[in-house]
Structures are given as C-alpha cells and as structure tokens.
C-alpha atoms as a PDB file:
ATOM      1  CA  MET A   1     -29.924  96.316  37.620  1.00  0.00           C
ATOM      2  CA  ALA A   2     -27.673  93.822  36.264  1.00  0.00           C
ATOM      3  CA  ARG A   3     -24.779  96.325  35.713  1.00  0.00           C
ATOM      4  CA  ILE A   4     -24.820  97.191  39.174  1.00  0.00           C
ATOM      5  CA  ALA A   5     -23.896  94.137  40.315  1.00  0.00           C
ATOM      6  CA  ALA A   6     -21.820  93.346  38.305  1.00  0.00           C
ATOM      7  CA  LEU A   7     -19.527  95.814  39.625  1.00  0.00           C
ATOM      8  CA  LEU A   8     -21.051  95.390  43.608  1.00  0.00           C
ATOM      9  CA  PRO A   9     -17.743  92.968  43.802  1.00  0.00           C
ATOM     10  CA  LEU A  10     -15.595  96.077  42.230  1.00  0.00           C
ATOM     11  CA  ALA A  11     -16.829  97.918  45.140  1.00  0.00           C
ATOM     12  CA  LEU A  12     -16.356  96.731  47.365  1.00  0.00           C
ATOM     13  CA  LEU A  13     -13.049  95.922  46.783  1.00  0.00           C
ATOM     14  CA  ALA A  14     -12.019  99.721  46.676  1.00  0.00           C
ATOM     15  CA  ALA A  15     -13.974  99.844  49.711  1.00  0.00           C
ATOM     16  CA  SER A  16     -11.695  97.423  51.468  1.00  0.00           C
ATOM     17  CA  CYS A  17      -8.655  99.015  50.123  1.00  0.00           C
ATOM     18  CA  THR A  18      -6.416 100.968  52.667  1.00  0.00           C
ATOM     19  CA  VAL A  19      -4.095 104.216  51.290  1.00  0.00           C
ATOM     20  CA  SER A  20      -0.500 104.543  53.014  1.00  0.00           C
ATOM     21  CA  THR A  21      -0.932 107.284  54.328  1.00  0.00           C
ATOM     22  CA  GLY A  22       2.945 107.595  55.614  1.00  0.00           C
ATOM     23  CA  PRO A  23       3.568 107.973  59.684  1.00  0.00           C
ATOM     24  CA  GLU A  24       1.867 108.877  62.084  1.00  0.00           C
ATOM     25  CA  ARG A  25       2.755 111.520  64.260  1.00  0.00           C
ATOM     26  CA  LEU A  26       2.319 110.238  68.066  1.00  0.00           C
ATOM     27  CA  PRO A  27       2.072 112.928  70.920  1.00  0.00           C
ATOM     28  CA  THR A  28       4.575 112.920  73.682  1.00  0.00           C
ATOM     29  CA  SER A  29       5.541 115.097  76.568  1.00  0.00           C
ATOM     30  CA  LEU A  30       9.265 115.381  77.228  1.00  0.00           C
ATOM     31  CA  HIS A  31      11.645 116.659  80.234  1.00  0.00           C
ATOM     32  CA  THR A  32      14.817 116.556  81.067  1.00  0.00           C
ATOM     33  CA  GLU A  33      17.540 117.608  83.328  1.00  0.00           C
ATOM     34  CA  PRO A  34      20.784 117.351  83.376  1.00  0.00           C
ATOM     35  CA  ILE A  35      22.043 114.516  85.422  1.00  0.00           C
ATOM     36  CA  ARG A  36      23.385 115.398  89.694  1.00  0.00           C
ATOM     37  CA  GLY A  37      24.899 112.831  90.493  1.00  0.00           C
ATOM     38  CA  ALA A  38      24.692 108.124  89.311  1.00  0.00           C
ATOM     39  CA  VAL A  39      24.201 108.077  85.363  1.00  0.00           C
ATOM     40  CA  PRO A  40      19.920 106.829  85.913  1.00  0.00           C
ATOM     41  CA  PRO A  41      19.300 103.656  84.800  1.00  0.00           C
ATOM     42  CA  LEU A  42      17.258 102.693  81.172  1.00  0.00           C
ATOM     43  CA  VAL A  43      14.089 102.024  82.151  1.00  0.00           C
ATOM     44  CA  ILE A  44      11.095 101.302  79.784  1.00  0.00           C
ATOM     45  CA  THR A  45       7.441 101.414  81.382  1.00  0.00           C
ATOM     46  CA  THR A  46       3.830 100.493  79.337  1.00  0.00           C
ATOM     47  CA  SER A  47       0.872 101.215  80.806  1.00  0.00           C
ATOM     48  CA  ALA A  48      -2.726 101.087  77.935  1.00  0.00           C
ATOM     49  CA  ASP A  49      -1.388 103.628  75.378  1.00  0.00           C
ATOM     50  CA  THR A  50       1.908 105.184  76.561  1.00  0.00           C
ATOM     51  CA  VAL A  51       5.120 104.273  75.814  1.00  0.00           C
ATOM     52  CA  ARG A  52       7.768 105.741  78.442  1.00  0.00           C
ATOM     53  CA  ILE A  53      10.709 105.390  78.316  1.00  0.00           C
ATOM     54  CA  GLN A  54      13.637 107.178  80.704  1.00  0.00           C
ATOM     55  CA  TRP A  55      17.206 107.454  80.841  1.00  0.00           C
ATOM     56  CA  TRP A  56      19.954 109.489  79.676  1.00  0.00           C
ATOM     57  CA  ILE A  57      22.203 111.023  77.029  1.00  0.00           C
ATOM     58  CA  LEU A  58      25.366 112.565  76.914  1.00  0.00           C
ATOM     59  CA  MET A  59      26.449 116.408  75.354  1.00  0.00           C
ATOM     60  CA  ASN A  60      30.279 118.036  74.638  1.00  0.00           C
ATOM     61  CA  GLU A  61      28.524 121.479  76.479  1.00  0.00           C
ATOM     62  CA  PRO A  62      24.708 121.854  78.852  1.00  0.00           C
ATOM     63  CA  CYS A  63      23.224 124.319  76.328  1.00  0.00           C
ATOM     64  CA  TYR A  64      21.159 122.500  73.980  1.00  0.00           C
ATOM     65  CA  ASP A  65      17.468 121.991  73.822  1.00  0.00           C
ATOM     66  CA  PHE A  66      15.695 118.943  73.376  1.00  0.00           C
ATOM     67  CA  THR A  67      12.374 118.299  72.190  1.00  0.00           C
ATOM     68  CA  ALA A  68      10.699 114.627  71.371  1.00  0.00           C
ATOM     69  CA  ASP A  69       9.066 112.861  68.181  1.00  0.00           C
ATOM     70  CA  ALA A  70       7.876 109.604  67.813  1.00  0.00           C
ATOM     71  CA  LEU A  71       5.798 108.072  64.163  1.00  0.00           C
ATOM     72  CA  MET A  72       3.513 105.027  64.100  1.00  0.00           C
ATOM     73  CA  VAL A  73       6.071 104.282  60.714  1.00  0.00           C
ATOM     74  CA  PRO A  74       4.864 102.026  58.083  1.00  0.00           C
ATOM     75  CA  ALA A  75       5.387  98.197  59.206  1.00  0.00           C
ATOM     76  CA  ASP A  76       3.958  99.699  62.770  1.00  0.00           C
ATOM     77  CA  SER A  77       7.104 100.075  64.018  1.00  0.00           C
ATOM     78  CA  LEU A  78       7.511 102.822  66.553  1.00  0.00           C
ATOM     79  CA  ALA A  79      10.247 106.058  66.061  1.00  0.00           C
ATOM     80  CA  VAL A  80      11.179 108.328  69.360  1.00  0.00           C
ATOM     81  CA  ILE A  81      13.183 111.020  68.062  1.00  0.00           C
ATOM     82  CA  LEU A  82      15.056 113.185  70.535  1.00  0.00           C
ATOM     83  CA  THR A  83      16.555 115.883  69.119  1.00  0.00           C
ATOM     84  CA  ALA A  84      19.460 118.279  70.601  1.00  0.00           C
ATOM     85  CA  VAL A  85      19.658 121.865  69.209  1.00  0.00           C
ATOM     86  CA  ARG A  86      22.973 123.882  70.421  1.00  0.00           C
ATOM     87  CA  ARG A  87      21.434 126.989  71.618  1.00  0.00           C
ATOM     88  CA  PRO A  88      23.316 130.207  69.652  1.00  0.00           C
ATOM     89  CA  GLN A  89      25.366 132.446  72.662  1.00  0.00           C
ATOM     90  CA  PHE A  90      28.626 131.111  74.156  1.00  0.00           C
ATOM     91  CA  CYS A  91      29.195 128.228  76.133  1.00  0.00           C
ATOM     92  CA  PRO A  92      31.449 126.087  78.189  1.00  0.00           C
ATOM     93  CA  GLN A  93      32.835 122.952  76.987  1.00  0.00           C
ATOM     94  CA  VAL A  94      32.771 121.062  79.440  1.00  0.00           C
ATOM     95  CA  LEU A  95      30.755 117.512  78.870  1.00  0.00           C
ATOM     96  CA  THR A  96      27.063 116.996  80.395  1.00  0.00           C
ATOM     97  CA  GLY A  97      24.316 114.120  80.746  1.00  0.00           C
ATOM     98  CA  PHE A  98      21.032 115.298  80.376  1.00  0.00           C
ATOM     99  CA  ALA A  99      17.795 112.752  82.324  1.00  0.00           C
ATOM    100  CA  TYR A 100      14.521 112.407  80.113  1.00  0.00           C
ATOM    101  CA  ASP A 101      11.837 110.860  80.292  1.00  0.00           C
ATOM    102  CA  LEU A 102       9.993 110.699  77.707  1.00  0.00           C
ATOM    103  CA  ALA A 103       6.472 109.792  77.552  1.00  0.00           C
ATOM    104  CA  VAL A 104       4.570 108.331  73.684  1.00  0.00           C
ATOM    105  CA  SER A 105       0.981 108.094  73.906  1.00  0.00           C
ATOM    106  CA  ARG A 106      -2.110 106.484  71.560  1.00  0.00           C
ATOM    107  CA  VAL A 107       0.507 104.031  70.792  1.00  0.00           C
ATOM    108  CA  PRO A 108      -1.513 100.828  69.510  1.00  0.00           C
ATOM    109  CA  SER A 109      -2.020  96.917  71.205  1.00  0.00           C
ATOM    110  CA  GLY A 110       0.598  94.596  70.061  1.00  0.00           C
ATOM    111  CA  GLN A 111       3.973  93.943  70.531  1.00  0.00           C
ATOM    112  CA  VAL A 112       5.322  97.222  69.059  1.00  0.00           C
ATOM    113  CA  PRO A 113       9.314  97.237  67.992  1.00  0.00           C
ATOM    114  CA  VAL A 114      10.443 100.466  69.207  1.00  0.00           C
ATOM    115  CA  ARG A 115      13.369 102.732  67.838  1.00  0.00           C
ATOM    116  CA  LEU A 116      15.425 105.301  69.697  1.00  0.00           C
ATOM    117  CA  ILE A 117      16.903 107.916  67.670  1.00  0.00           C
ATOM    118  CA  TYR A 118      19.664 110.666  68.737  1.00  0.00           C
ATOM    119  CA  ALA A 119      18.846 114.044  66.050  1.00  0.00           C
ATOM    120  CA  ARG A 120      21.619 116.472  67.061  1.00  0.00           C
ATOM    121  CA  TYR A 121      22.249 119.443  65.895  1.00  0.00           C
ATOM    122  CA  GLY A 122      25.491 121.747  67.082  1.00  0.00           C
ATOM    123  CA  PRO A 123      29.011 120.911  66.815  1.00  0.00           C
ATOM    124  CA  PRO A 124      28.766 117.612  65.473  1.00  0.00           C
ATOM    125  CA  THR A 125      25.661 117.069  64.089  1.00  0.00           C
ATOM    126  CA  TYR A 126      24.609 113.323  64.063  1.00  0.00           C
ATOM    127  CA  ARG A 127      22.564 110.903  63.917  1.00  0.00           C
ATOM    128  CA  GLU A 128      22.310 107.747  65.576  1.00  0.00           C
ATOM    129  CA  MET A 129      20.062 104.818  67.309  1.00  0.00           C
ATOM    130  CA  VAL A 130      21.128 104.091  70.383  1.00  0.00           C
ATOM    131  CA  LEU A 131      18.060 101.552  71.386  1.00  0.00           C
ATOM    132  CA  ASP A 132      16.373  98.725  69.050  1.00  0.00           C
ATOM    133  CA  THR A 133      13.901  96.588  70.822  1.00  0.00           C
ATOM    134  CA  SER A 134      10.072  96.083  71.291  1.00  0.00           C
ATOM    135  CA  VAL A 135       7.609  96.759  73.874  1.00  0.00           C
ATOM    136  CA  ALA A 136       3.821  94.729  74.520  1.00  0.00           C
ATOM    137  CA  ILE A 137       0.800  97.187  74.560  1.00  0.00           C
ATOM    138  CA  PRO A 138      -1.617  95.841  75.803  1.00  0.00           C
END
C-alpha cells in the first residue's frame, strides 16, 4: 500500500499532462463569385463559435477553383488558408476579382489571433499572408 501511495503523485502528474497533436483542422464553408461592380470591403464578424470573413482576391484570369482550410495552431492562433487552383484548360488572361464569403466554425472562445493566407497554384504559384488580426469569440 505504501508503494502505491508513493506512486500516486507521479500518476496524478502524468494524468494532468497533455500531448500536443499539432494543428487542429476546423470546419469551413466557402462561397466565391466573380466581382461584378465595386470591390467589397473587408468584413469580419464573429458569433458563438464562428469567424466569418468576407473579402476579395484578385487573379490574373477567371479560371480558378477555390477551397478553404482552417487550422488552430499551437499558440491558439487561427490560420485560414484560401487556396486557388488553376483549371487546366485554356483561359483568357483577364484580371478577375473574386468576392468570397468564408466561415470557420468550432473556434474556441476568447481573443483569437487570425491569419489569412492566400495560396495560389498555377502560374505564378505563391503564398502570402494578407491579414493578421485578432477577433473576440464570445
């Protein structure tokens, strides 16, 4: 019995430790459409467990498909990645703006740093951080 009692503090310490498993992927929804008129302003809204970003991205041609990913990274930061992948067919070289409405859910409450990254694949290929801000999640 004394031996078990001696191991109890070690067992409690081990039980209280958490193992970092890396970034946690959060659910996203995305809607994009070509801009037909004025360029929309940046709008960021929050509710319950959701961050919603409405803005736009300029592309060198209209032939792109978009996806969104969101990761909670270890420092409790939210990394939102808007990815544009060029379609393989011929496409006219016409500057095209796309408005988007991107929502990320299951964001933990509190003050959350948000970094928005554009990842573009198809000449040219690049990644750039276009927004670095913080939002309050109720």
